[in-house]
């Protein structure tokens, strides 16, 4: 969905762990391009509860 990465970056991900702002000059700003840590993001995605997943415990 549109805006999913931006929303996750603002609300869930940590600067320096899942992403980092970069510039050729070496002084990044909040509006600079982002480089993403795919391993950390994939781990974050795996940890999220997916729609339709249910705990199938039998009582």
C-alpha atoms as a PDB file:
ATOM      1  CA  UNK A   1       0.000   0.000   0.000  1.00  0.00           C
ATOM      2  CA  UNK A   2       1.082   3.511  -0.676  1.00  0.00           C
ATOM      3  CA  UNK A   3       2.901   5.118   2.253  1.00  0.00           C
ATOM      4  CA  UNK A   4       3.603   1.879   4.123  1.00  0.00           C
ATOM      5  CA  UNK A   5       7.386   2.325   4.191  1.00  0.00           C
ATOM      6  CA  UNK A   6       7.132   6.004   5.136  1.00  0.00           C
ATOM      7  CA  UNK A   7       4.670   5.198   7.938  1.00  0.00           C
ATOM      8  CA  UNK A   8       6.869   2.378   9.269  1.00  0.00           C
ATOM      9  CA  UNK A   9       9.942   4.608   9.120  1.00  0.00           C
ATOM     10  CA  UNK A  10       8.195   7.341  11.132  1.00  0.00           C
ATOM     11  CA  UNK A  11       6.426   5.133  13.686  1.00  0.00           C
ATOM     12  CA  UNK A  12       8.296   1.832  14.058  1.00  0.00           C
ATOM     13  CA  UNK A  13      11.808   1.762  12.669  1.00  0.00           C
ATOM     14  CA  UNK A  14      14.874   3.185  14.383  1.00  0.00           C
ATOM     15  CA  UNK A  15      17.239   5.512  12.584  1.00  0.00           C
ATOM     16  CA  UNK A  16      20.574   3.709  12.395  1.00  0.00           C
ATOM     17  CA  UNK A  17      19.097   0.227  12.760  1.00  0.00           C
ATOM     18  CA  UNK A  18      16.520  -0.217   9.969  1.00  0.00           C
ATOM     19  CA  UNK A  19      17.425   2.825   7.897  1.00  0.00           C
ATOM     20  CA  UNK A  20      19.859   5.719   7.581  1.00  0.00           C
ATOM     21  CA  UNK A  21      19.765   9.058   5.751  1.00  0.00           C
ATOM     22  CA  UNK A  22      22.665   9.538   3.330  1.00  0.00           C
ATOM     23  CA  UNK A  23      24.119  12.320   1.177  1.00  0.00           C
ATOM     24  CA  UNK A  24      27.269  12.599  -0.922  1.00  0.00           C
ATOM     25  CA  UNK A  25      28.324  15.618   1.174  1.00  0.00           C
ATOM     26  CA  UNK A  26      28.251  13.570   4.388  1.00  0.00           C
ATOM     27  CA  UNK A  27      25.754  15.782   6.252  1.00  0.00           C
ATOM     28  CA  UNK A  28      22.349  14.116   5.821  1.00  0.00           C
ATOM     29  CA  UNK A  29      19.089  15.914   6.545  1.00  0.00           C
ATOM     30  CA  UNK A  30      15.705  14.369   7.454  1.00  0.00           C
ATOM     31  CA  UNK A  31      14.654  14.813   3.814  1.00  0.00           C
ATOM     32  CA  UNK A  32      17.775  13.115   2.401  1.00  0.00           C
ATOM     33  CA  UNK A  33      17.567   9.757   0.631  1.00  0.00           C
ATOM     34  CA  UNK A  34      17.407   6.662   2.811  1.00  0.00           C
ATOM     35  CA  UNK A  35      19.441   3.484   2.717  1.00  0.00           C
ATOM     36  CA  UNK A  36      17.668   0.492   4.228  1.00  0.00           C
ATOM     37  CA  UNK A  37      19.034  -2.415   6.275  1.00  0.00           C
ATOM     38  CA  UNK A  38      17.146  -5.234   4.564  1.00  0.00           C
ATOM     39  CA  UNK A  39      18.066  -7.851   7.182  1.00  0.00           C
ATOM     40  CA  UNK A  40      16.705  -5.723  10.043  1.00  0.00           C
ATOM     41  CA  UNK A  41      13.569  -4.841   8.069  1.00  0.00           C
ATOM     42  CA  UNK A  42      12.926  -8.476   7.151  1.00  0.00           C
ATOM     43  CA  UNK A  43      13.277  -9.429  10.830  1.00  0.00           C
ATOM     44  CA  UNK A  44      10.822  -6.642  11.736  1.00  0.00           C
ATOM     45  CA  UNK A  45       8.350  -7.905   9.123  1.00  0.00           C
ATOM     46  CA  UNK A  46       8.588 -11.469  10.430  1.00  0.00           C
ATOM     47  CA  UNK A  47       7.879 -10.223  13.958  1.00  0.00           C
ATOM     48  CA  UNK A  48       4.671  -8.435  12.906  1.00  0.00           C
ATOM     49  CA  UNK A  49       1.384 -10.236  13.367  1.00  0.00           C
ATOM     50  CA  UNK A  50      -0.010 -10.788   9.888  1.00  0.00           C
ATOM     51  CA  UNK A  51      -3.722 -10.386   9.114  1.00  0.00           C
ATOM     52  CA  UNK A  52      -5.435 -13.754   9.155  1.00  0.00           C
ATOM     53  CA  UNK A  53      -2.851 -15.366  11.438  1.00  0.00           C
ATOM     54  CA  UNK A  54      -4.482 -16.840  14.512  1.00  0.00           C
ATOM     55  CA  UNK A  55      -3.202 -18.754  17.441  1.00  0.00           C
ATOM     56  CA  UNK A  56      -4.626 -22.214  16.781  1.00  0.00           C
ATOM     57  CA  UNK A  57      -4.444 -23.478  20.376  1.00  0.00           C
ATOM     58  CA  UNK A  58      -6.814 -26.278  21.229  1.00  0.00           C
ATOM     59  CA  UNK A  59      -8.333 -26.037  24.660  1.00  0.00           C
END
